[in-house]
Amino acid sequence: MPIITTKEGLNINPAHVIQFTSLRNGKTRLLLSTGGEQICELYSDVAELFIPVIPANPGFIAVFAERWDDGVFTYKHRSVIAWRLCPSGSYPLFEGYGDNDDYAVIIDPAGGIYDSDHNQFASLEDWKREYEAEQHEIAARSAKAA
């Protein structure tokens, strides 16, 4: 379970936080289930601790795409292990360490391919062709503008 750590040295169990408010001075007011409150500076965004996360069904895979300077594309696959249920939609969480969680498409357990804009593709190869053509077009426009 994550713990709320404050710059004042307090460690607060988020299960005891009933409500929180960001104040204009940069501090956060935490209303606790004990009836007390803490006004403190936090190291991270407390709202992230209250976004529900549910396990993903097996078989969801995220595909990450990268275009190298020489124009060659590389693709990396990572398993989706959970979904973060945000007000704006469900976002995948991945296995392993990654500094960039900006996936290109998701492969669902039935083999469906879709991107974050809900565009569906017949196959991974169809998506790759479309993606690479789009990226080449963007690179050509950038080169022309420079």
C-alpha atoms as a PDB file:
ATOM      1  CA  MET A   1       0.000   0.000   0.000  1.00  0.00           C
ATOM      2  CA  PRO A   2       1.391   3.434  -0.853  1.00  0.00           C
ATOM      3  CA  ILE A   3       2.000   5.844   1.994  1.00  0.00           C
ATOM      4  CA  ILE A   4       1.602   9.626   1.821  1.00  0.00           C
ATOM      5  CA  THR A   5       4.972  11.103   2.771  1.00  0.00           C
ATOM      6  CA  THR A   6       5.180  14.768   3.668  1.00  0.00           C
ATOM      7  CA  LYS A   7       8.111  17.163   3.581  1.00  0.00           C
ATOM      8  CA  GLU A   8       7.527  17.689   7.308  1.00  0.00           C
ATOM      9  CA  GLY A   9       8.486  14.039   7.901  1.00  0.00           C
ATOM     10  CA  LEU A  10       5.011  12.566   8.423  1.00  0.00           C
ATOM     11  CA  ASN A  11       3.898   9.261   6.916  1.00  0.00           C
ATOM     12  CA  ILE A  12       0.115   9.045   6.506  1.00  0.00           C
ATOM     13  CA  ASN A  13      -1.899   5.973   5.593  1.00  0.00           C
ATOM     14  CA  PRO A  14      -4.139   7.017   2.652  1.00  0.00           C
ATOM     15  CA  ALA A  15      -6.912   4.745   3.990  1.00  0.00           C
ATOM     16  CA  HIS A  16      -7.381   7.336   6.762  1.00  0.00           C
ATOM     17  CA  VAL A  17      -7.742  10.311   4.388  1.00  0.00           C
ATOM     18  CA  ILE A  18     -11.394  11.256   3.928  1.00  0.00           C
ATOM     19  CA  GLN A  19     -10.846  14.431   1.918  1.00  0.00           C
ATOM     20  CA  PHE A  20      -7.971  16.521   0.629  1.00  0.00           C
ATOM     21  CA  THR A  21      -7.719  20.076  -0.652  1.00  0.00           C
ATOM     22  CA  SER A  22      -4.846  21.862  -2.378  1.00  0.00           C
ATOM     23  CA  LEU A  23      -4.251  25.250  -0.799  1.00  0.00           C
ATOM     24  CA  ARG A  24      -2.981  28.392  -2.565  1.00  0.00           C
ATOM     25  CA  ASN A  25       0.273  28.337  -0.626  1.00  0.00           C
ATOM     26  CA  GLY A  26       1.183  24.981  -2.225  1.00  0.00           C
ATOM     27  CA  LYS A  27       0.335  22.906   0.817  1.00  0.00           C
ATOM     28  CA  THR A  28      -2.403  20.298   1.062  1.00  0.00           C
ATOM     29  CA  ARG A  29      -5.061  19.972   3.758  1.00  0.00           C
ATOM     30  CA  LEU A  30      -5.799  16.341   4.595  1.00  0.00           C
ATOM     31  CA  LEU A  31      -8.992  15.606   6.562  1.00  0.00           C
ATOM     32  CA  LEU A  32      -8.445  12.351   8.464  1.00  0.00           C
ATOM     33  CA  SER A  33     -10.895   9.674   9.612  1.00  0.00           C
ATOM     34  CA  THR A  34      -9.689  10.272  13.184  1.00  0.00           C
ATOM     35  CA  GLY A  35     -11.341  13.701  13.047  1.00  0.00           C
ATOM     36  CA  GLY A  36      -8.048  15.563  12.781  1.00  0.00           C
ATOM     37  CA  GLU A  37      -6.470  17.311   9.866  1.00  0.00           C
ATOM     38  CA  GLN A  38      -2.950  17.837   8.596  1.00  0.00           C
ATOM     39  CA  ILE A  39      -1.788  20.801   6.552  1.00  0.00           C
ATOM     40  CA  CYS A  40       1.475  19.853   4.915  1.00  0.00           C
ATOM     41  CA  GLU A  41       3.647  19.808   1.793  1.00  0.00           C
ATOM     42  CA  LEU A  42       3.572  16.537  -0.104  1.00  0.00           C
ATOM     43  CA  TYR A  43       6.262  14.957  -2.251  1.00  0.00           C
ATOM     44  CA  SER A  44       3.771  13.700  -4.842  1.00  0.00           C
ATOM     45  CA  ASP A  45       0.262  14.315  -6.093  1.00  0.00           C
ATOM     46  CA  VAL A  46      -2.064  12.833  -3.484  1.00  0.00           C
ATOM     47  CA  ALA A  47      -4.890  12.483  -6.034  1.00  0.00           C
ATOM     48  CA  GLU A  48      -2.966   9.672  -7.764  1.00  0.00           C
ATOM     49  CA  LEU A  49      -3.318   7.517  -4.637  1.00  0.00           C
ATOM     50  CA  PHE A  50      -7.107   7.570  -4.928  1.00  0.00           C
ATOM     51  CA  ILE A  51      -7.466   6.503  -8.576  1.00  0.00           C
ATOM     52  CA  PRO A  52      -8.722   2.920  -8.606  1.00  0.00           C
ATOM     53  CA  VAL A  53      -6.526   0.278 -10.228  1.00  0.00           C
ATOM     54  CA  ILE A  54      -7.923  -3.103 -11.266  1.00  0.00           C
ATOM     55  CA  PRO A  55      -6.014  -6.135 -12.569  1.00  0.00           C
ATOM     56  CA  ALA A  56      -6.040  -6.675 -16.323  1.00  0.00           C
ATOM     57  CA  ASN A  57      -7.238  -9.942 -17.792  1.00  0.00           C
ATOM     58  CA  PRO A  58      -4.332 -11.957 -19.215  1.00  0.00           C
ATOM     59  CA  GLY A  59      -3.467 -11.354 -22.853  1.00  0.00           C
ATOM     60  CA  PHE A  60      -3.517  -7.548 -23.170  1.00  0.00           C
ATOM     61  CA  ILE A  61      -0.274  -6.365 -24.776  1.00  0.00           C
ATOM     62  CA  ALA A  62       0.891  -2.813 -25.441  1.00  0.00           C
ATOM     63  CA  VAL A  63       3.042  -2.085 -28.485  1.00  0.00           C
ATOM     64  CA  PHE A  64       5.567   0.745 -28.285  1.00  0.00           C
ATOM     65  CA  ALA A  65       6.986   2.192 -31.497  1.00  0.00           C
ATOM     66  CA  GLU A  66      10.160   4.176 -32.009  1.00  0.00           C
ATOM     67  CA  ARG A  67      11.597   5.687 -35.175  1.00  0.00           C
ATOM     68  CA  TRP A  68      15.380   5.924 -35.240  1.00  0.00           C
ATOM     69  CA  ASP A  69      17.286   8.736 -36.942  1.00  0.00           C
ATOM     70  CA  ASP A  70      18.023   6.491 -39.921  1.00  0.00           C
ATOM     71  CA  GLY A  71      14.271   5.936 -40.492  1.00  0.00           C
ATOM     72  CA  VAL A  72      14.170   2.379 -39.139  1.00  0.00           C
ATOM     73  CA  PHE A  73      11.265   1.529 -36.852  1.00  0.00           C
ATOM     74  CA  THR A  74      11.543  -0.685 -33.791  1.00  0.00           C
ATOM     75  CA  TYR A  75       8.645  -2.164 -31.859  1.00  0.00           C
ATOM     76  CA  LYS A  76       8.590  -3.349 -28.266  1.00  0.00           C
ATOM     77  CA  HIS A  77       5.790  -5.343 -26.604  1.00  0.00           C
ATOM     78  CA  ARG A  78       4.914  -5.075 -22.909  1.00  0.00           C
ATOM     79  CA  SER A  79       2.179  -6.886 -20.991  1.00  0.00           C
ATOM     80  CA  VAL A  80      -0.661  -4.850 -19.522  1.00  0.00           C
ATOM     81  CA  ILE A  81      -0.979  -5.965 -15.897  1.00  0.00           C
ATOM     82  CA  ALA A  82      -3.619  -3.504 -14.657  1.00  0.00           C
ATOM     83  CA  TRP A  83      -5.939  -0.680 -15.669  1.00  0.00           C
ATOM     84  CA  ARG A  84      -6.095   2.707 -13.958  1.00  0.00           C
ATOM     85  CA  LEU A  85      -9.735   3.857 -13.935  1.00  0.00           C
ATOM     86  CA  CYS A  86      -9.568   7.634 -14.417  1.00  0.00           C
ATOM     87  CA  PRO A  87     -12.533   9.957 -15.068  1.00  0.00           C
ATOM     88  CA  SER A  88     -11.249  10.479 -18.625  1.00  0.00           C
ATOM     89  CA  GLY A  89     -10.943   6.752 -19.367  1.00  0.00           C
ATOM     90  CA  SER A  90      -9.072   3.576 -18.517  1.00  0.00           C
ATOM     91  CA  TYR A  91      -5.282   3.654 -18.849  1.00  0.00           C
ATOM     92  CA  PRO A  92      -3.012   0.611 -18.944  1.00  0.00           C
ATOM     93  CA  LEU A  93      -0.248  -0.084 -16.445  1.00  0.00           C
ATOM     94  CA  PHE A  94       2.644  -2.216 -17.689  1.00  0.00           C
ATOM     95  CA  GLU A  95       4.962  -4.860 -16.339  1.00  0.00           C
ATOM     96  CA  GLY A  96       8.572  -3.945 -15.884  1.00  0.00           C
ATOM     97  CA  TYR A  97      10.320  -0.631 -15.616  1.00  0.00           C
ATOM     98  CA  GLY A  98       9.711   1.929 -18.306  1.00  0.00           C
ATOM     99  CA  ASP A  99      10.514   5.598 -18.524  1.00  0.00           C
ATOM    100  CA  ASN A 100       8.037   6.086 -21.362  1.00  0.00           C
ATOM    101  CA  ASP A 101       4.573   4.601 -21.018  1.00  0.00           C
ATOM    102  CA  ASP A 102       3.299   6.197 -24.235  1.00  0.00           C
ATOM    103  CA  TYR A 103       2.130   3.104 -26.090  1.00  0.00           C
ATOM    104  CA  ALA A 104       1.105   3.130 -29.741  1.00  0.00           C
ATOM    105  CA  VAL A 105      -1.528   0.366 -29.790  1.00  0.00           C
ATOM    106  CA  ILE A 106      -3.028  -2.302 -27.541  1.00  0.00           C
ATOM    107  CA  ILE A 107      -3.535  -5.896 -28.620  1.00  0.00           C
ATOM    108  CA  ASP A 108      -6.491  -7.422 -26.773  1.00  0.00           C
ATOM    109  CA  PRO A 109      -6.757 -11.131 -25.867  1.00  0.00           C
ATOM    110  CA  ALA A 110      -8.998 -11.817 -28.882  1.00  0.00           C
ATOM    111  CA  GLY A 111      -6.393 -10.316 -31.246  1.00  0.00           C
ATOM    112  CA  GLY A 112      -8.039  -6.920 -31.753  1.00  0.00           C
ATOM    113  CA  ILE A 113      -5.687  -3.989 -32.387  1.00  0.00           C
ATOM    114  CA  TYR A 114      -6.662  -0.481 -31.296  1.00  0.00           C
ATOM    115  CA  ASP A 115      -4.958   2.796 -30.438  1.00  0.00           C
ATOM    116  CA  SER A 116      -5.692   5.331 -27.701  1.00  0.00           C
ATOM    117  CA  ASP A 117      -8.051   7.199 -30.057  1.00  0.00           C
ATOM    118  CA  HIS A 118     -10.175   4.016 -30.351  1.00  0.00           C
ATOM    119  CA  ASN A 119      -9.173   3.424 -33.975  1.00  0.00           C
ATOM    120  CA  GLN A 120      -9.314  -0.291 -34.761  1.00  0.00           C
ATOM    121  CA  PHE A 121      -7.014  -2.133 -37.150  1.00  0.00           C
ATOM    122  CA  ALA A 122      -7.458  -5.482 -38.919  1.00  0.00           C
ATOM    123  CA  SER A 123      -3.987  -6.685 -37.955  1.00  0.00           C
ATOM    124  CA  LEU A 124      -0.752  -5.544 -36.385  1.00  0.00           C
ATOM    125  CA  GLU A 125       0.849  -5.459 -39.841  1.00  0.00           C
ATOM    126  CA  ASP A 126      -1.936  -3.139 -41.132  1.00  0.00           C
ATOM    127  CA  TRP A 127      -1.362  -0.818 -38.198  1.00  0.00           C
ATOM    128  CA  LYS A 128       2.431  -0.845 -38.738  1.00  0.00           C
ATOM    129  CA  ARG A 129       2.001   0.103 -42.424  1.00  0.00           C
ATOM    130  CA  GLU A 130      -0.322   2.983 -41.531  1.00  0.00           C
ATOM    131  CA  TYR A 131       1.834   4.125 -38.614  1.00  0.00           C
ATOM    132  CA  GLU A 132       5.077   4.071 -40.615  1.00  0.00           C
ATOM    133  CA  ALA A 133       3.489   5.951 -43.537  1.00  0.00           C
ATOM    134  CA  GLU A 134       2.189   8.606 -41.130  1.00  0.00           C
ATOM    135  CA  GLN A 135       5.577   8.950 -39.419  1.00  0.00           C
ATOM    136  CA  HIS A 136       7.400   9.242 -42.767  1.00  0.00           C
ATOM    137  CA  GLU A 137       4.941  11.982 -43.778  1.00  0.00           C
ATOM    138  CA  ILE A 138       5.528  13.860 -40.501  1.00  0.00           C
ATOM    139  CA  ALA A 139       9.319  13.560 -40.956  1.00  0.00           C
ATOM    140  CA  ALA A 140       9.053  14.850 -44.541  1.00  0.00           C
ATOM    141  CA  ARG A 141       7.002  17.863 -43.412  1.00  0.00           C
ATOM    142  CA  SER A 142       9.523  18.606 -40.661  1.00  0.00           C
ATOM    143  CA  ALA A 143      12.418  18.399 -43.108  1.00  0.00           C
ATOM    144  CA  LYS A 144      10.602  20.676 -45.549  1.00  0.00           C
ATOM    145  CA  ALA A 145       9.876  23.235 -42.809  1.00  0.00           C
ATOM    146  CA  ALA A 146      13.516  23.296 -41.666  1.00  0.00           C
END
